[in-house]
Protein backbone atom coordinates (compact mmCIF):
# COMPACT_ATOMS: atom_id res chain seq x y z
CA MET A 1 124.48 132.25 115.40
CA PRO A 2 121.75 130.21 113.59
CA ARG A 3 120.64 131.63 110.28
CA ARG A 4 117.11 133.00 110.37
CA LEU A 5 114.39 131.40 108.30
CA THR A 6 113.44 133.24 105.13
CA ALA A 7 109.89 134.40 104.53
CA THR A 8 109.44 131.56 102.02
CA GLN A 9 110.62 128.97 104.52
CA ARG A 10 108.36 130.35 107.22
CA ARG A 11 105.32 130.25 104.91
CA LEU A 12 105.85 126.63 103.93
CA LEU A 13 106.55 125.52 107.50
CA THR A 14 103.47 127.33 108.79
CA TRP A 15 101.37 125.69 106.09
CA ALA A 16 102.81 122.26 106.93
CA ASP A 17 102.04 122.68 110.62
CA GLN A 18 98.37 122.89 109.68
CA ALA A 19 98.15 120.72 106.56
CA GLY A 20 100.96 118.19 106.95
CA ARG A 21 100.15 114.48 106.85
CA ASP A 22 99.98 112.50 110.09
CA LEU A 23 102.21 109.50 109.32
CA PRO A 24 103.42 106.99 111.93
CA TRP A 25 107.10 107.08 110.94
CA ARG A 26 107.14 110.80 111.67
CA THR A 27 106.80 110.07 115.38
CA THR A 28 110.17 108.32 115.58
CA ARG A 29 113.81 109.13 115.01
CA ASP A 30 114.81 105.46 115.07
CA PRO A 31 117.08 105.09 112.01
CA TRP A 32 116.03 101.48 111.31
CA ALA A 33 112.31 102.27 111.48
CA ILE A 34 112.83 105.21 109.16
CA LEU A 35 114.93 103.17 106.73
CA VAL A 36 112.23 100.49 106.59
CA SER A 37 109.55 103.12 105.90
CA GLU A 38 111.56 104.72 103.13
CA VAL A 39 112.26 101.41 101.40
CA MET A 40 108.59 100.44 101.65
CA LEU A 41 107.41 103.80 100.31
CA GLN A 42 109.35 103.35 97.08
CA GLN A 43 106.62 102.89 94.43
CA THR A 44 103.99 101.92 97.02
CA GLN A 45 101.09 104.01 98.30
CA VAL A 46 101.23 105.33 101.86
CA SER A 47 97.92 103.69 102.80
CA ARG A 48 99.31 100.26 101.90
CA VAL A 49 102.59 100.84 103.69
CA ILE A 50 101.27 101.85 107.14
CA PRO A 51 99.92 98.46 108.34
CA VAL A 52 102.78 96.46 106.83
CA TRP A 53 105.40 98.83 108.30
CA THR A 54 103.88 98.47 111.75
CA ALA A 55 103.74 94.67 111.58
CA PHE A 56 107.21 94.41 110.01
CA LEU A 57 108.82 96.37 112.84
CA ARG A 58 107.07 94.24 115.44
CA ARG A 59 108.65 91.21 113.77
CA PHE A 60 112.02 92.83 113.03
CA PRO A 61 112.50 95.74 115.47
CA THR A 62 116.24 96.09 114.79
CA PRO A 63 118.68 95.44 111.95
CA ALA A 64 120.04 92.49 113.92
CA ALA A 65 116.59 90.91 114.22
CA CYS A 66 116.14 91.21 110.45
CA ALA A 67 119.67 90.02 109.70
CA THR A 68 119.34 86.83 111.75
CA ALA A 69 116.00 85.91 110.16
CA GLN A 70 115.78 83.80 107.04
CA GLN A 71 115.35 85.80 103.85
CA SER A 72 112.12 83.90 103.23
CA GLU A 73 110.74 85.26 106.53
CA VAL A 74 111.50 88.82 105.44
CA VAL A 75 109.90 88.30 102.02
CA THR A 76 106.85 86.77 103.68
CA ALA A 77 106.54 89.78 106.01
CA TRP A 78 106.71 91.99 102.92
CA ARG A 79 103.37 90.69 101.64
CA GLY A 80 101.27 93.44 100.04
CA MET A 81 104.16 95.77 99.21
CA GLY A 82 104.99 94.53 95.72
CA TYR A 83 108.44 94.92 94.13
CA ASN A 84 109.67 92.07 96.31
CA ARG A 85 113.33 92.63 95.43
CA ARG A 86 113.18 95.48 97.93
CA ALA A 87 112.64 92.92 100.70
CA VAL A 88 115.70 90.98 99.56
CA ASN A 89 117.77 94.17 99.48
CA LEU A 90 116.50 95.23 102.91
CA HIS A 91 117.52 91.86 104.36
CA ARG A 92 120.97 92.18 102.78
CA CYS A 93 121.16 95.74 104.10
CA ALA A 94 120.34 94.56 107.63
CA ILE A 95 123.11 91.97 107.41
CA ALA A 96 125.61 94.63 106.29
CA ILE A 97 124.54 97.02 109.08
CA THR A 98 124.94 94.24 111.65
CA GLU A 99 128.26 92.91 110.37
CA GLN A 100 129.94 96.15 109.31
CA HIS A 101 128.46 98.77 111.63
CA GLY A 102 127.71 96.95 114.86
CA GLY A 103 123.97 96.97 114.26
CA GLN A 104 123.74 100.76 114.02
CA LEU A 105 123.01 102.69 110.83
CA PRO A 106 125.95 104.83 109.76
CA THR A 107 125.60 108.61 109.81
CA SER A 108 127.49 109.54 106.65
CA LEU A 109 126.09 109.74 103.14
CA ARG A 110 128.96 107.70 101.73
CA GLU A 111 128.51 104.82 104.18
CA LEU A 112 124.74 104.78 103.82
CA GLN A 113 124.92 104.64 100.03
CA ALA A 114 127.39 101.77 100.27
CA LEU A 115 124.71 99.60 101.90
CA PRO A 116 122.85 97.15 99.62
CA GLY A 117 119.84 98.68 97.90
CA ILE A 118 120.31 102.18 99.36
CA GLY A 119 120.26 104.96 96.77
CA PRO A 120 120.77 108.72 97.03
CA TYR A 121 117.20 109.51 98.12
CA THR A 122 116.97 106.85 100.80
CA ALA A 123 120.41 107.70 102.21
CA ARG A 124 119.51 111.39 102.48
CA ALA A 125 116.11 110.58 103.95
CA VAL A 126 117.80 108.65 106.77
CA LEU A 127 120.26 111.50 107.36
CA VAL A 128 117.44 114.05 107.63
CA PHE A 129 114.61 112.12 109.26
CA ALA A 130 116.70 110.07 111.71
CA PHE A 131 119.74 112.25 112.34
CA GLU A 132 118.33 115.67 111.38
CA GLN A 133 121.26 116.54 109.15
CA PRO A 134 120.71 119.57 106.86
CA VAL A 135 120.48 117.95 103.43
CA GLY A 136 117.63 118.01 100.93
CA VAL A 137 115.69 114.89 99.99
CA VAL A 138 114.41 114.48 96.44
CA ASP A 139 111.71 111.97 95.65
CA VAL A 140 109.13 112.33 92.88
CA ASN A 141 107.03 114.75 94.94
CA ALA A 142 109.95 116.97 95.93
CA ALA A 143 111.33 116.96 92.37
CA ARG A 144 107.97 118.13 91.06
CA VAL A 145 107.87 121.03 93.54
CA HIS A 146 111.40 122.18 92.70
CA ALA A 147 110.89 121.94 88.93
CA ARG A 148 107.70 124.00 89.02
CA LEU A 149 109.21 126.57 91.36
CA LYS A 150 112.12 126.96 88.96
CA GLY A 151 109.80 127.04 85.94
CA HIS A 152 111.65 124.54 83.75
CA ALA A 153 112.96 120.99 83.76
CA LEU A 154 115.89 120.23 86.04
CA THR A 155 118.76 117.74 85.83
CA ASN A 156 119.67 115.42 88.69
CA ALA A 157 122.42 117.74 89.86
CA GLU A 158 120.22 120.84 89.61
CA VAL A 159 117.28 119.44 91.56
CA GLN A 160 119.54 118.07 94.30
CA ARG A 161 121.41 121.37 94.55
CA ARG A 162 118.14 123.29 94.83
CA ALA A 163 116.89 120.90 97.51
CA ASP A 164 120.11 121.23 99.51
CA ASP A 165 120.23 125.02 99.18
CA ALA A 166 116.59 125.40 100.20
CA THR A 167 116.92 123.30 103.38
CA PRO A 168 117.26 125.51 106.47
CA PRO A 169 120.06 124.24 108.76
CA THR A 170 117.89 124.84 111.82
CA GLU A 171 114.79 122.97 110.57
CA PRO A 172 115.90 120.24 108.13
CA TRP A 173 113.39 117.61 109.35
CA ARG A 174 110.36 119.94 109.27
CA TRP A 175 111.37 121.51 105.97
CA ASN A 176 111.86 118.30 104.03
CA GLN A 177 108.64 116.80 105.37
CA ALA A 178 106.86 120.00 104.32
CA VAL A 179 108.23 119.83 100.76
CA LEU A 180 107.17 116.18 100.47
CA ASP A 181 103.70 117.01 101.77
CA LEU A 182 103.34 119.93 99.36
CA GLY A 183 104.19 117.73 96.40
CA ALA A 184 101.98 114.86 97.56
CA THR A 185 98.85 116.87 98.39
CA VAL A 186 98.95 120.24 96.57
CA CYS A 187 101.58 120.33 93.81
CA THR A 188 100.28 117.07 92.40
CA LYS A 189 101.09 115.61 88.99
CA ARG A 190 97.58 116.14 87.65
CA ALA A 191 95.34 119.07 88.59
CA PRO A 192 97.69 120.81 91.04
CA LYS A 193 95.81 122.86 93.65
CA CYS A 194 97.64 126.12 93.00
CA GLY A 195 95.05 128.13 94.92
CA GLU A 196 96.03 126.27 98.09
CA CYS A 197 99.79 126.54 97.62
CA PRO A 198 101.74 128.64 100.12
CA LEU A 199 104.50 129.21 97.55
CA THR A 200 102.52 130.68 94.64
CA ALA A 201 104.50 133.92 94.82
CA GLU A 202 107.72 131.98 94.19
CA CYS A 203 106.36 129.64 91.50
CA GLY A 204 108.26 130.04 88.24
CA TRP A 205 105.68 128.06 86.27
CA ARG A 206 102.91 130.35 87.49
CA ALA A 207 105.00 133.41 86.60
CA ILE A 208 105.12 132.37 82.94
CA GLY A 209 101.40 131.63 82.83
CA TYR A 210 101.56 127.83 83.22
CA VAL A 211 102.71 127.47 79.61
CA ALA A 212 103.29 123.98 78.29
CA PRO A 213 105.19 121.84 78.77
CA ASP A 214 104.79 121.35 82.49
CA PRO A 215 108.30 121.71 84.01
CA VAL A 216 108.00 118.23 85.49
CA GLU A 217 108.21 116.75 82.00
CA ASN A 218 111.75 115.49 81.38
CA SER A 219 112.87 116.60 84.86
CA ALA A 220 115.14 114.36 86.90
CA GLY A 221 113.33 112.32 89.50
CA ILE A 222 110.02 112.38 87.61
CA PRO A 223 109.33 108.85 86.30
CA LYS A 224 107.80 108.25 82.92
CA ARG A 225 104.38 106.65 82.78
CA GLN A 226 104.66 103.06 83.90
CA SER A 227 103.49 100.23 81.69
CA THR A 228 100.13 98.62 82.46
CA PHE A 229 100.33 96.17 85.36
CA GLU A 230 97.44 93.93 84.25
CA GLY A 231 98.84 91.08 82.18
CA SER A 232 102.44 92.21 82.67
CA ASP A 233 105.49 90.21 83.69
CA ARG A 234 105.37 92.10 87.00
CA GLN A 235 101.92 90.70 87.67
CA GLY A 236 103.10 87.16 86.97
CA ARG A 237 106.12 87.64 89.23
CA GLY A 238 103.87 88.90 92.00
CA ARG A 239 101.54 85.93 91.68
CA LEU A 240 104.47 83.55 91.86
CA VAL A 241 105.99 85.17 94.96
CA ASP A 242 102.60 85.26 96.68
CA ALA A 243 102.20 81.55 95.98
CA LEU A 244 105.72 80.86 97.28
CA ARG A 245 104.85 82.60 100.55
CA ARG A 246 102.32 79.82 101.11
CA GLY A 247 104.79 77.04 100.29
CA PRO A 248 106.72 75.33 97.48
CA VAL A 249 105.34 75.67 93.95
CA SER A 250 105.64 73.10 91.19
CA SER A 251 108.25 74.07 88.61
CA ARG A 252 106.72 71.86 85.96
CA PRO A 253 106.01 74.27 83.08
CA VAL A 254 102.26 73.67 82.75
CA GLU A 255 101.61 73.90 86.51
CA LEU A 256 103.91 76.90 86.90
CA ALA A 257 102.05 78.67 84.10
CA VAL A 258 98.74 78.15 85.92
CA THR A 259 100.21 79.54 89.15
CA MET A 260 101.40 82.67 87.35
CA GLY A 261 98.10 83.23 85.54
CA TRP A 262 99.34 82.26 82.06
CA SER A 263 97.88 78.78 81.61
CA ASP A 264 98.36 79.01 77.84
CA ASP A 265 101.95 80.28 77.90
CA ALA A 266 104.31 77.96 79.75
CA ASP A 267 107.36 79.40 77.97
CA ARG A 268 106.60 82.85 79.35
CA ALA A 269 106.08 81.43 82.84
CA ILE A 270 109.47 79.72 82.79
CA ARG A 271 111.20 82.84 81.47
CA VAL A 272 109.71 85.13 84.11
CA ALA A 273 110.20 82.58 86.92
CA MET A 274 113.90 82.51 86.03
CA THR A 275 114.08 86.26 86.71
CA VAL A 276 112.58 85.67 90.18
CA VAL A 277 115.34 83.13 90.82
CA ALA A 278 118.01 85.44 89.38
CA ASP A 279 116.88 88.22 91.71
CA GLY A 280 117.48 85.98 94.72
CA LEU A 281 113.82 85.70 95.67
CA ALA A 282 113.40 82.00 94.92
CA GLN A 283 115.41 78.86 94.25
CA TRP A 284 114.87 75.74 92.19
CA GLU A 285 114.63 72.39 93.94
CA GLN A 286 115.50 69.98 91.14
CA ARG A 287 114.92 66.83 93.18
CA THR A 288 111.30 67.74 93.98
CA GLU A 289 110.71 69.80 90.82
CA THR A 290 109.57 72.77 92.87
CA LEU A 291 110.36 76.41 93.50
CA CYS A 292 110.59 77.77 97.02
CA LEU A 293 111.47 81.08 98.63
CA ALA A 294 115.22 81.59 98.92
């Protein structure tokens, strides 16, 4: 006999039915579409992901379609997402799914995590959102919710255990989406909207009077503040990959430096360009003295 929902679970699910976000990947249980959305959502805002996700799936509707495409086509379709290594990993993942699993995503945590570029969160997200298996998913938003509910910082093992234990076997899809929505829209990093939270009665941080430090500090799954993007190596990498999407780029140091926005620092341009090559995004063409997408 299915276990009944607790009062806490019912409150959060009722709240989510009214306040949950309307996101396009929530209308499908297609494992590939969900995998693509989860990879895209890593470190990228939802508003930027939606149009690219839609166009990407039109171009590559299945793992096989992605696997048979050139990597450069996948990277080009990734335009606007940033962190372009994710596109390379997704292409490699599609090849592995096609060659090792007959074009179908596996349904076990072990096999999913064995795929290129698939970590614990993404593997569990596919299990829950595609196959509705009763496991907890822990991204930055979910980790923040669990840490504040507990009232102190949590380790990786602790936050995952709490997420798994909290997930109702009968409603794993709805529950995990609700936790993600709560963290993204109410239990936010700055200025959490505690007056709107359906779980205030269970909040450990509230119970101790919101004393500092915030439980999210030093908790697993909560990233430290990222370095400034403007003027960073990441910005130069992004400029280079964007230029490569349009065609080959001169690898002559002075011209490469201009392409990457560092006209006065050719040494830096060469160093950073080498990391783009090392990551499998680009390749040197010595004969023509150019770089092109791999």
